[in-house]
Amino acid sequence: MKLTGGNGRVYTASQPYYAVRHKLCAAAARLAPTSRSRAGASFFFLLALAFCAAPYAQGQAESGPGVNAIRIRNKSLIVGPKDEPFSMPSDAAVGLGGNLYVLDGVRHRVVVYDPAGQFLFEFGGRGGAAGELLFPLGITTTPDGKIYVADSGNHRFQVFAADGKALEAVSLPSTPSGAPPDPTDVSVDTTRSKLYVTDNDNHKLHVYNLSLNSFEQPWGGPGQGRRQFRFPFLIDISEQGYVLVVEPINTRVQVLNPNGKFVNFIGAWGVKPGQLFRPKGVVTFEDRVFVTDSYLGRVQIFDMRGNFLGVLSDSGGVPVQLAAPTGIAVDAKRQRLYVVELKANRVCRMDLE
């Protein structure tokens, strides 16, 4: 038996609820991002995309013979402080000394661990004052030890010192239509003194000049073409200053050069190796691009041109299966990856071979 969805795609009997789930996810994707009646609505969008097809994701993504494996040596799990574990964490970043900063948005906080996975401290707390957070979604660090957080519910980004001390809060500009900005991630190009913020609901990328402390002309707009976005989510900056933007609805990673010109797309819709269904997080490491997919439950690796290199796998070559992976971070010194598993309320720490 085959079913044909409204989008013309064909679903086979081996995928008994695939068509129905696709329609539900499509509806959620249309409605959730525009329901801004209360702070934290981006979380509904995130959860809709992460959970809609989770049953299908477990072990049923096509692997096929001859798929290259980027292997890990070992892995361990970080689940949050004993007295208050993580609740739907979304992103993570590696800071000074290899310390790990985990963004635990539902609890409105950043939780900090040393490289051995030992809890150090946390900062944030629900609110709108300086140093407080409201459903934050994205986090990044810079070599000078600063921590940048996309404070989604407060429509701003905040800057913290390595010890969690609040340094600065910058509100994002509103759109001409008056729609509030919806920051979901932030990344910094220290070489060019530029900071980039994804504005999920307004389908654009805000560019902030750190030298002038002012916003420049935003990049993008709604659409599926070059330099257009549909609900851009997480972001990363390569060593060369290329900007990589994850688009869960357009099922791709879009690469722009430091001047905002289109370079190429990474990924295309599908469940086969090298294809993406619900990409969420991205990080560049040694000219490789690691992309998480919350639907497939995997991390796939590409080169900067978009060529598929392999799937993150265990020492036996079996793809590492993750529970709705979202944010991803790298500790280059230790050859280590951290992947946030939103559905499992944890961070998976993996050392590369």
Protein backbone atom coordinates (compact mmCIF):
# COMPACT_ATOMS: atom_id res chain seq x y z
CA MET A 1 0.00 0.00 0.00
CA LYS A 2 1.13 3.53 -0.74
CA LEU A 3 -0.23 6.82 0.50
CA THR A 4 0.26 10.12 -1.24
CA GLY A 5 0.48 13.19 0.93
CA GLY A 6 -0.79 16.63 0.03
CA ASN A 7 2.74 17.55 -0.92
CA GLY A 8 2.89 14.82 -3.55
CA ARG A 9 5.29 12.62 -1.59
CA VAL A 10 4.62 8.89 -1.51
CA TYR A 11 4.56 6.98 1.78
CA THR A 12 4.78 3.17 1.86
CA ALA A 13 3.13 0.63 4.14
CA SER A 14 6.41 0.21 6.03
CA GLN A 15 5.85 3.74 7.29
CA PRO A 16 2.36 3.30 8.82
CA TYR A 17 1.98 6.77 10.31
CA TYR A 18 4.46 8.72 8.21
CA ALA A 19 1.90 10.60 6.12
CA VAL A 20 -0.28 11.53 9.07
CA ARG A 21 2.71 12.64 11.09
CA HIS A 22 4.02 14.73 8.23
CA LYS A 23 0.72 16.60 8.03
CA LEU A 24 0.70 17.17 11.79
CA CYS A 25 4.26 18.45 11.74
CA ALA A 26 3.53 20.73 8.81
CA ALA A 27 0.55 22.19 10.65
CA ALA A 28 2.59 22.67 13.80
CA ALA A 29 5.33 24.35 11.81
CA ARG A 30 2.83 26.78 10.31
CA LEU A 31 1.04 27.64 13.53
CA ALA A 32 3.56 27.41 16.34
CA PRO A 33 6.02 30.07 15.15
CA THR A 34 3.29 32.68 14.75
CA SER A 35 1.56 32.12 18.08
CA ARG A 36 3.28 34.85 20.08
CA SER A 37 0.70 35.41 22.77
CA ARG A 38 3.25 34.65 25.47
CA ALA A 39 6.98 34.48 26.01
CA GLY A 40 8.67 31.22 25.10
CA ALA A 41 6.52 30.45 22.06
CA SER A 42 9.68 29.45 20.19
CA PHE A 43 9.83 26.44 22.48
CA PHE A 44 6.53 25.19 21.04
CA PHE A 45 8.03 25.45 17.58
CA LEU A 46 11.14 23.63 18.73
CA LEU A 47 9.16 20.91 20.45
CA ALA A 48 6.78 20.46 17.53
CA LEU A 49 9.68 19.82 15.20
CA ALA A 50 11.58 17.67 17.69
CA PHE A 51 8.75 15.39 18.78
CA CYS A 52 6.35 15.11 15.85
CA ALA A 53 8.14 12.24 14.19
CA ALA A 54 10.24 10.94 17.04
CA PRO A 55 8.87 7.34 16.91
CA TYR A 56 9.82 7.03 13.25
CA ALA A 57 13.25 8.41 13.94
CA GLN A 58 14.36 5.62 16.22
CA GLY A 59 16.47 3.33 14.09
CA GLN A 60 14.51 3.59 10.83
CA ALA A 61 16.50 6.20 8.95
CA GLU A 62 18.08 4.63 5.90
CA SER A 63 21.77 3.82 6.26
CA GLY A 64 22.57 1.69 3.23
CA PRO A 65 25.81 -0.09 2.38
CA GLY A 66 29.02 1.83 2.02
CA VAL A 67 28.03 4.72 4.25
CA ASN A 68 31.15 6.33 5.69
CA ALA A 69 31.39 6.42 9.47
CA ILE A 70 33.03 9.20 11.47
CA ARG A 71 33.70 7.24 14.65
CA ILE A 72 33.77 8.01 18.34
CA ARG A 73 35.91 6.26 20.97
CA ASN A 74 33.54 6.60 23.90
CA LYS A 75 30.62 8.59 25.19
CA SER A 76 29.13 9.70 28.49
CA LEU A 77 26.03 11.60 29.56
CA ILE A 78 25.46 14.84 31.47
CA VAL A 79 21.95 15.14 32.91
CA GLY A 80 22.13 18.32 34.97
CA PRO A 81 22.47 19.08 38.69
CA LYS A 82 21.21 16.33 41.00
CA ASP A 83 18.69 18.56 42.74
CA GLU A 84 17.31 20.06 39.51
CA PRO A 85 18.08 18.08 36.31
CA PHE A 86 17.87 19.56 32.83
CA SER A 87 14.44 20.23 31.39
CA MET A 88 14.53 20.33 27.59
CA PRO A 89 18.01 21.84 27.13
CA SER A 90 18.52 23.27 23.64
CA ASP A 91 22.15 24.28 23.12
CA ALA A 92 25.68 24.13 24.51
CA ALA A 93 29.05 25.83 24.03
CA VAL A 94 32.64 25.21 25.10
CA GLY A 95 34.41 28.07 26.87
CA LEU A 96 37.71 28.82 28.57
CA GLY A 97 39.61 25.80 29.83
CA GLY A 98 37.20 23.46 28.09
CA ASN A 99 34.34 24.27 30.44
CA LEU A 100 30.93 23.37 29.06
CA TYR A 101 28.03 25.85 29.16
CA VAL A 102 24.64 24.16 28.77
CA LEU A 103 21.58 26.27 28.01
CA ASP A 104 18.64 24.89 29.98
CA GLY A 105 15.92 27.13 28.62
CA VAL A 106 12.82 25.82 30.37
CA ARG A 107 14.60 26.50 33.65
CA HIS A 108 15.89 29.84 32.30
CA ARG A 109 19.52 29.16 33.18
CA VAL A 110 23.02 28.30 32.00
CA VAL A 111 24.65 25.32 33.75
CA VAL A 112 28.45 25.05 33.73
CA TYR A 113 30.62 21.90 33.86
CA ASP A 114 34.35 21.27 33.78
CA PRO A 115 35.88 19.08 31.02
CA ALA A 116 35.50 15.99 33.23
CA GLY A 117 31.75 16.55 33.43
CA GLN A 118 31.71 17.83 37.01
CA PHE A 119 29.15 20.49 37.88
CA LEU A 120 30.68 23.90 38.65
CA PHE A 121 27.91 26.49 38.92
CA GLU A 122 24.88 27.94 37.16
CA PHE A 123 23.62 31.42 36.39
CA GLY A 124 20.57 33.17 34.98
CA GLY A 125 17.12 32.70 36.48
CA ARG A 126 13.71 33.64 35.15
CA GLY A 127 13.08 37.32 34.53
CA GLY A 128 13.72 40.36 32.39
CA ALA A 129 16.34 42.19 34.42
CA ALA A 130 20.01 42.24 33.51
CA GLY A 131 21.46 38.76 33.99
CA GLU A 132 18.04 37.11 34.04
CA LEU A 133 16.77 34.93 31.20
CA LEU A 134 13.42 34.00 29.70
CA PHE A 135 13.28 30.83 27.61
CA PRO A 136 16.75 31.25 26.09
CA LEU A 137 17.50 29.00 23.12
CA GLY A 138 21.03 29.58 21.77
CA ILE A 139 24.48 30.12 23.28
CA THR A 140 28.04 30.72 22.09
CA THR A 141 31.43 31.66 23.53
CA THR A 142 34.41 33.73 22.39
CA PRO A 143 38.15 33.23 23.01
CA ASP A 144 38.20 36.05 25.57
CA GLY A 145 35.88 34.01 27.79
CA LYS A 146 32.63 35.87 27.15
CA ILE A 147 29.33 34.01 26.93
CA TYR A 148 26.61 35.19 24.53
CA VAL A 149 23.02 34.01 24.97
CA ALA A 150 20.00 34.40 22.69
CA ASP A 151 17.49 35.47 25.34
CA SER A 152 14.45 34.56 23.28
CA GLY A 153 11.62 35.48 25.63
CA ASN A 154 13.15 38.90 26.30
CA HIS A 155 13.79 39.58 22.58
CA ARG A 156 17.47 40.31 23.12
CA PHE A 157 20.92 38.82 23.43
CA GLN A 158 22.94 39.01 26.62
CA VAL A 159 26.66 38.93 27.31
CA PHE A 160 28.17 37.30 30.39
CA ALA A 161 31.67 36.85 31.78
CA ALA A 162 33.06 33.32 32.09
CA ASP A 163 31.98 33.27 35.75
CA GLY A 164 28.38 34.16 34.86
CA LYS A 165 28.53 37.86 35.70
CA ALA A 166 26.13 39.86 33.51
CA LEU A 167 27.98 42.35 31.30
CA GLU A 168 25.52 43.63 28.72
CA ALA A 169 22.01 43.19 27.33
CA VAL A 170 21.14 44.30 23.79
CA SER A 171 17.53 44.38 22.57
CA LEU A 172 16.92 43.42 18.95
CA PRO A 173 15.25 45.91 16.59
CA SER A 174 11.60 45.40 15.72
CA THR A 175 10.49 44.76 12.18
CA PRO A 176 8.66 47.39 10.06
CA SER A 177 5.46 45.43 10.67
CA GLY A 178 5.95 45.77 14.41
CA ALA A 179 6.40 42.03 14.96
CA PRO A 180 8.66 41.35 17.93
CA PRO A 181 12.08 39.88 17.21
CA ASP A 182 12.48 36.19 17.99
CA PRO A 183 16.16 35.40 18.65
CA THR A 184 16.96 31.69 18.73
CA ASP A 185 20.75 31.69 18.45
CA VAL A 186 23.80 33.92 18.40
CA SER A 187 27.32 33.52 17.00
CA VAL A 188 30.34 35.83 16.94
CA ASP A 189 32.98 36.48 14.28
CA THR A 190 35.75 37.94 16.44
CA THR A 191 38.04 38.61 13.46
CA ARG A 192 35.51 40.98 11.88
CA SER A 193 33.90 42.14 15.15
CA LYS A 194 30.47 40.99 13.97
CA LEU A 195 27.75 39.24 15.91
CA TYR A 196 24.91 37.37 14.20
CA VAL A 197 21.48 36.58 15.66
CA THR A 198 18.92 34.33 14.01
CA ASP A 199 15.42 35.84 14.11
CA ASN A 200 13.27 32.73 13.75
CA ASP A 201 9.82 34.23 13.43
CA ASN A 202 10.90 37.02 11.07
CA HIS A 203 13.05 34.81 8.82
CA LYS A 204 16.15 36.94 8.96
CA LEU A 205 19.64 37.27 10.37
CA HIS A 206 20.49 40.33 12.47
CA VAL A 207 24.04 41.64 12.09
CA TYR A 208 25.52 43.55 15.03
CA ASN A 209 28.77 45.52 14.76
CA LEU A 210 30.66 44.95 18.00
CA SER A 211 33.06 47.82 17.32
CA LEU A 212 30.29 50.38 16.77
CA ASN A 213 27.75 48.77 19.12
CA SER A 214 25.04 49.07 16.49
CA PHE A 215 22.97 46.89 14.19
CA GLU A 216 23.62 46.81 10.46
CA GLN A 217 21.18 45.92 7.70
CA PRO A 218 19.74 42.46 8.41
CA TRP A 219 20.27 39.60 6.00
CA GLY A 220 17.58 37.48 4.43
CA GLY A 221 13.80 37.40 4.41
CA PRO A 222 11.11 34.73 4.09
CA GLY A 223 11.43 32.19 1.29
CA GLN A 224 13.18 29.12 -0.04
CA GLY A 225 15.72 30.73 -2.35
CA ARG A 226 19.25 31.98 -1.90
CA ARG A 227 19.67 34.40 1.02
CA GLN A 228 16.11 33.58 2.08
CA PHE A 229 15.13 31.71 5.23
CA ARG A 230 12.20 29.81 6.69
CA PHE A 231 12.40 29.89 10.48
CA PRO A 232 16.21 29.91 10.83
CA PHE A 233 17.18 28.28 14.08
CA LEU A 234 20.79 27.62 15.17
CA ILE A 235 23.93 29.10 13.60
CA ASP A 236 27.72 28.78 13.53
CA ILE A 237 30.67 30.73 12.14
CA SER A 238 33.56 28.89 10.47
CA GLU A 239 37.22 29.80 11.04
CA GLN A 240 37.13 31.60 7.68
CA GLY A 241 34.14 33.69 8.72
CA TYR A 242 31.50 31.81 6.72
CA VAL A 243 28.06 31.92 8.31
CA LEU A 244 26.15 28.63 8.50
CA VAL A 245 22.43 28.91 9.23
CA VAL A 246 20.24 25.90 10.01
CA GLU A 247 16.74 26.00 8.48
CA PRO A 248 14.57 23.17 9.87
CA ILE A 249 11.63 23.88 7.53
CA ASN A 250 13.74 24.31 4.39
CA THR A 251 15.62 21.16 5.54
CA ARG A 252 19.07 22.56 4.85
CA VAL A 253 22.03 24.50 6.15
CA GLN A 254 22.63 27.70 4.22
CA VAL A 255 26.19 28.99 3.89
CA LEU A 256 26.89 32.72 3.43
CA ASN A 257 30.24 34.46 3.13
CA PRO A 258 31.33 37.20 5.60
CA ASN A 259 29.70 39.82 3.37
CA GLY A 260 26.37 38.04 3.38
CA LYS A 261 26.59 36.64 -0.15
CA PHE A 262 25.21 33.19 -0.85
CA VAL A 263 27.80 30.40 -1.11
CA ASN A 264 25.92 27.09 -1.13
CA PHE A 265 23.35 24.87 0.56
CA ILE A 266 24.20 21.80 2.61
CA GLY A 267 21.70 18.95 2.63
CA ALA A 268 18.35 18.31 0.99
CA TRP A 269 15.05 16.82 2.17
CA GLY A 270 15.06 13.08 2.84
CA VAL A 271 16.00 10.27 5.21
CA LYS A 272 18.91 8.76 3.29
CA PRO A 273 22.55 9.40 4.24
CA GLY A 274 23.49 12.93 3.26
CA GLN A 275 19.87 14.12 3.43
CA LEU A 276 18.17 16.09 6.20
CA PHE A 277 14.65 15.97 7.59
CA ARG A 278 14.68 18.29 10.59
CA PRO A 279 18.18 19.75 10.95
CA LYS A 280 18.64 21.69 14.17
CA GLY A 281 22.26 22.31 15.15
CA VAL A 282 25.52 22.92 13.31
CA VAL A 283 29.19 23.26 14.21
CA THR A 284 32.31 23.46 12.05
CA PHE A 285 35.47 21.60 12.99
CA GLU A 286 38.61 21.04 10.89
CA ASP A 287 36.80 22.06 7.67
CA ARG A 288 33.99 19.64 8.43
CA VAL A 289 30.39 20.55 9.13
CA PHE A 290 28.55 18.52 11.78
CA VAL A 291 24.74 18.75 11.53
CA THR A 292 22.24 17.36 14.03
CA ASP A 293 18.84 16.13 12.87
CA SER A 294 16.14 15.83 15.53
CA TYR A 295 13.97 13.64 13.27
CA LEU A 296 16.64 11.15 12.21
CA GLY A 297 18.27 11.24 15.63
CA ARG A 298 21.73 11.43 14.12
CA VAL A 299 24.71 13.65 13.42
CA GLN A 300 25.83 13.82 9.80
CA ILE A 301 29.09 15.27 8.55
CA PHE A 302 29.70 17.28 5.37
CA ASP A 303 32.48 19.37 3.91
CA MET A 304 31.98 23.10 3.41
CA ARG A 305 30.85 22.54 -0.18
CA GLY A 306 28.04 20.32 1.01
CA ASN A 307 29.56 16.97 0.06
CA PHE A 308 28.44 14.21 2.40
CA LEU A 309 31.32 12.68 4.39
CA GLY A 310 29.64 10.29 6.79
CA VAL A 311 27.50 9.62 9.85
CA LEU A 312 28.73 9.91 13.42
CA SER A 313 29.08 6.27 14.53
CA ASP A 314 30.39 4.15 17.38
CA SER A 315 33.64 2.18 17.23
CA GLY A 316 31.84 -0.62 15.40
CA GLY A 317 30.53 1.65 12.68
CA VAL A 318 26.93 1.70 13.93
CA PRO A 319 25.38 5.19 13.72
CA VAL A 320 25.04 6.87 17.11
CA GLN A 321 21.31 7.23 17.82
CA LEU A 322 20.29 10.33 19.78
CA ALA A 323 17.00 11.54 21.26
CA ALA A 324 15.96 14.68 19.37
CA PRO A 325 19.47 16.16 19.07
CA THR A 326 19.52 19.95 18.80
CA GLY A 327 22.57 22.04 19.72
CA ILE A 328 26.08 20.76 19.11
CA ALA A 329 29.46 22.05 20.31
CA VAL A 330 33.08 21.03 19.84
CA ASP A 331 36.10 21.03 22.15
CA ALA A 332 38.88 21.18 19.55
CA LYS A 333 41.70 20.66 22.05
CA ARG A 334 40.19 17.41 23.32
CA GLN A 335 38.73 16.27 19.97
CA ARG A 336 35.36 16.08 21.68
CA LEU A 337 31.77 16.68 20.61
CA TYR A 338 28.85 17.63 22.83
CA VAL A 339 25.34 17.03 21.51
CA VAL A 340 22.24 18.25 23.35
CA GLU A 341 19.47 15.63 23.42
CA LEU A 342 16.36 17.69 24.00
CA LYS A 343 13.96 14.76 24.31
CA ALA A 344 16.17 12.93 26.82
CA ASN A 345 16.97 16.05 28.89
CA ARG A 346 20.72 15.52 28.67
CA VAL A 347 23.98 16.25 26.87
CA CYS A 348 25.92 13.45 25.18
CA ARG A 349 29.70 13.86 25.40
CA MET A 350 31.64 11.97 22.70
CA ASP A 351 35.38 11.73 22.03
CA LEU A 352 36.33 11.35 18.37
CA GLU A 353 38.73 8.65 17.19
